[in-house]
């Protein structure tokens, strides 16, 4: 059995800098006469990240941007294959997405299957003008042709590695760790 090596790749300060960079890129894609921007976080850790981005964007220009939460559990395609028992959370999008610029926010981009499920579910809430993807960490190994528009940090990993994101709002601390030699969760 291979012992996993754990390495911190982002501490709280680094995470703050990375999120500032992502917010700057998201703001750079806005135009005064364009569609309004909304942020939609993928449950679980995408939601607090979307809230943080909202605060950073509002601090830049004073404009409010709605934030929604998306639970993609029932839209996933891997439960039957993996024998998983779904724990369904709440989806909370209290605004129409039609003709809006939607920035979908998640913590880690890996195979692309979570994003595929999120895009399928977003269609239930209207037809956005544009959907962009913002992620804290892109670890590669895509199984679907999905790429992020706004990436905080790109990390080279092996398939058996795992990237663990911890957020103050969920876990009591901010940090991202790379675990080498652990089978990645689906």
Foldseek 3Di string as FASTA:
>chain_A
DDAKDKDFPAFPVLLVVLLLQLLVLVVVPDDPPAAAEAEEEEPDVRQVSSVVSQVSNCVVPVDHHHYWYDYLQVLADCCVVVVDDTDTDDTGDPDAQAQHEYEYEYAEAEQCRSVVSVVVVNVVRYDYPYYAYEYAEYAYHYNDPDDHPHYSYYHDADQQKEKDADDCVPHNGGTIMIIHRHHYDD
